[in-house]
């Protein structure tokens, strides 16, 4: 996958963009869509289908 550059202006986080699970900030699909691109990190709530496509098979 090609290197992706972050946007010139960082996005402002809203409470509906994420939730806290333990010590982790988990971004939801709404945030990923607002960001506008897939980062390729196999995010749990990836709306671009990358997490499902790259999931290990049993």
N, C-alpha and C. Protein backbone atom coordinates (compact mmCIF):
# COMPACT_ATOMS: atom_id res chain seq x y z
N UNK A 1 0.85 -1.18 0.00
CA UNK A 1 0.00 0.00 0.00
C UNK A 1 0.89 1.24 0.00
N UNK A 2 0.46 2.26 -0.72
CA UNK A 2 1.22 3.49 -0.81
C UNK A 2 1.20 4.25 0.51
N UNK A 3 2.25 5.03 0.74
CA UNK A 3 2.33 5.88 1.93
C UNK A 3 1.25 6.96 1.83
N UNK A 4 0.51 7.16 2.90
CA UNK A 4 -0.56 8.16 2.92
C UNK A 4 -0.14 9.31 3.81
N UNK A 5 -0.23 10.52 3.26
CA UNK A 5 0.11 11.71 4.03
C UNK A 5 -1.11 12.20 4.78
N UNK A 6 -0.92 12.64 6.03
CA UNK A 6 -2.06 13.19 6.78
C UNK A 6 -2.52 14.50 6.16
N UNK A 7 -3.77 14.88 6.39
CA UNK A 7 -4.25 16.15 5.85
C UNK A 7 -3.46 17.32 6.42
N UNK A 8 -3.40 18.41 5.67
CA UNK A 8 -2.65 19.59 6.12
C UNK A 8 -3.24 20.15 7.41
N UNK A 9 -4.56 20.10 7.55
CA UNK A 9 -5.23 20.58 8.75
C UNK A 9 -5.81 19.37 9.48
N UNK A 10 -5.34 19.09 10.69
CA UNK A 10 -5.87 17.93 11.43
C UNK A 10 -7.37 18.07 11.71
N UNK A 11 -8.06 16.93 11.72
CA UNK A 11 -9.49 16.94 12.04
C UNK A 11 -9.70 17.20 13.52
N UNK A 12 -10.78 17.87 13.84
CA UNK A 12 -11.17 18.07 15.22
C UNK A 12 -12.03 16.89 15.64
N UNK A 13 -11.67 16.27 16.76
CA UNK A 13 -12.45 15.13 17.25
C UNK A 13 -13.71 15.59 17.95
N UNK A 14 -14.80 14.90 17.67
CA UNK A 14 -16.07 15.11 18.35
C UNK A 14 -16.35 13.86 19.17
N UNK A 15 -17.13 13.97 20.23
CA UNK A 15 -17.43 12.79 21.05
C UNK A 15 -18.06 11.64 20.27
N UNK A 16 -18.78 11.93 19.18
CA UNK A 16 -19.39 10.85 18.40
C UNK A 16 -18.40 10.16 17.47
N UNK A 17 -17.16 10.62 17.40
CA UNK A 17 -16.15 10.04 16.52
C UNK A 17 -15.42 8.84 17.12
N UNK A 18 -15.55 8.63 18.42
CA UNK A 18 -14.75 7.60 19.08
C UNK A 18 -15.39 7.15 20.39
N UNK A 19 -14.86 6.07 20.95
CA UNK A 19 -15.19 5.67 22.30
C UNK A 19 -13.92 5.16 22.96
N UNK A 20 -13.93 5.09 24.28
CA UNK A 20 -12.76 4.64 25.02
C UNK A 20 -12.99 3.20 25.45
N UNK A 21 -12.00 2.37 25.17
CA UNK A 21 -12.04 0.96 25.57
C UNK A 21 -10.74 0.69 26.32
N UNK A 22 -10.83 0.61 27.64
CA UNK A 22 -9.61 0.49 28.45
C UNK A 22 -8.80 1.77 28.30
N UNK A 23 -7.56 1.62 27.85
CA UNK A 23 -6.70 2.79 27.63
C UNK A 23 -6.68 3.22 26.17
N UNK A 24 -7.49 2.58 25.33
CA UNK A 24 -7.48 2.85 23.89
C UNK A 24 -8.62 3.76 23.48
N UNK A 25 -8.31 4.64 22.55
CA UNK A 25 -9.30 5.47 21.90
C UNK A 25 -9.67 4.73 20.62
N UNK A 26 -10.92 4.32 20.45
CA UNK A 26 -11.34 3.53 19.30
C UNK A 26 -12.19 4.42 18.40
N UNK A 27 -11.70 4.65 17.18
CA UNK A 27 -12.43 5.48 16.22
C UNK A 27 -13.51 4.65 15.56
N UNK A 28 -14.69 5.25 15.38
CA UNK A 28 -15.79 4.54 14.75
C UNK A 28 -15.85 4.86 13.25
N UNK A 29 -16.80 4.23 12.56
CA UNK A 29 -16.90 4.41 11.11
C UNK A 29 -17.17 5.87 10.73
N UNK A 30 -17.94 6.58 11.55
CA UNK A 30 -18.23 7.99 11.25
C UNK A 30 -16.95 8.80 11.18
N UNK A 31 -16.02 8.55 12.09
CA UNK A 31 -14.75 9.27 12.06
C UNK A 31 -13.94 8.93 10.81
N UNK A 32 -13.88 7.63 10.49
CA UNK A 32 -13.12 7.21 9.30
C UNK A 32 -13.69 7.85 8.04
N UNK A 33 -15.00 7.91 7.93
CA UNK A 33 -15.62 8.56 6.77
C UNK A 33 -15.34 10.05 6.76
N UNK A 34 -15.35 10.68 7.92
CA UNK A 34 -15.04 12.11 8.01
C UNK A 34 -13.59 12.36 7.60
N UNK A 35 -12.70 11.44 7.97
CA UNK A 35 -11.28 11.57 7.59
C UNK A 35 -11.14 11.47 6.08
N UNK A 36 -11.93 10.57 5.46
CA UNK A 36 -11.98 10.55 4.00
C UNK A 36 -11.05 9.59 3.29
N UNK A 37 -10.28 8.78 4.01
CA UNK A 37 -9.41 7.82 3.34
C UNK A 37 -9.08 6.68 4.29
N UNK A 38 -8.66 5.58 3.74
CA UNK A 38 -8.26 4.42 4.53
C UNK A 38 -6.77 4.55 4.88
N UNK A 39 -6.44 4.31 6.13
CA UNK A 39 -5.04 4.41 6.56
C UNK A 39 -4.30 3.09 6.38
N UNK A 40 -5.04 1.99 6.13
CA UNK A 40 -4.41 0.69 5.92
C UNK A 40 -3.99 -0.01 7.20
N UNK A 41 -4.49 0.44 8.36
CA UNK A 41 -4.09 -0.15 9.64
C UNK A 41 -5.05 -1.23 10.14
N UNK A 42 -5.96 -1.67 9.28
CA UNK A 42 -6.94 -2.70 9.64
C UNK A 42 -7.77 -2.29 10.86
N UNK A 43 -8.26 -1.07 10.84
CA UNK A 43 -9.05 -0.54 11.94
C UNK A 43 -10.32 -1.36 12.14
N UNK A 44 -10.72 -1.51 13.38
CA UNK A 44 -11.89 -2.30 13.76
C UNK A 44 -13.16 -1.85 13.05
N UNK A 45 -13.36 -0.53 12.91
CA UNK A 45 -14.58 0.01 12.34
C UNK A 45 -14.36 0.61 10.95
N UNK A 46 -13.44 0.05 10.20
CA UNK A 46 -13.11 0.58 8.87
C UNK A 46 -14.31 0.46 7.93
N UNK A 47 -14.81 1.59 7.41
CA UNK A 47 -15.94 1.53 6.49
C UNK A 47 -15.50 1.22 5.06
N UNK A 48 -14.20 1.11 4.84
CA UNK A 48 -13.68 0.88 3.50
C UNK A 48 -13.47 -0.60 3.20
N UNK A 49 -13.77 -1.47 4.17
CA UNK A 49 -13.67 -2.91 3.95
C UNK A 49 -12.28 -3.49 4.05
N UNK A 50 -11.30 -2.72 4.45
CA UNK A 50 -9.93 -3.19 4.52
C UNK A 50 -9.75 -4.20 5.66
N UNK A 51 -10.35 -3.97 6.81
CA UNK A 51 -10.18 -4.87 7.95
C UNK A 51 -10.71 -6.26 7.62
N UNK A 52 -11.88 -6.34 6.97
CA UNK A 52 -12.43 -7.64 6.61
C UNK A 52 -11.59 -8.34 5.56
N UNK A 53 -11.11 -7.58 4.58
CA UNK A 53 -10.33 -8.16 3.50
C UNK A 53 -8.98 -8.68 3.98
N UNK A 54 -8.41 -8.03 5.01
CA UNK A 54 -7.09 -8.40 5.48
C UNK A 54 -7.11 -9.29 6.73
N UNK A 55 -8.30 -9.67 7.18
CA UNK A 55 -8.41 -10.49 8.39
C UNK A 55 -7.82 -11.87 8.14
N UNK A 56 -7.08 -12.41 9.11
CA UNK A 56 -6.49 -13.73 8.93
C UNK A 56 -7.58 -14.81 8.87
N UNK A 57 -7.34 -15.81 8.06
CA UNK A 57 -8.32 -16.90 7.90
C UNK A 57 -8.00 -17.99 8.91
N UNK A 58 -9.05 -18.66 9.40
CA UNK A 58 -8.86 -19.77 10.35
C UNK A 58 -8.64 -21.07 9.62
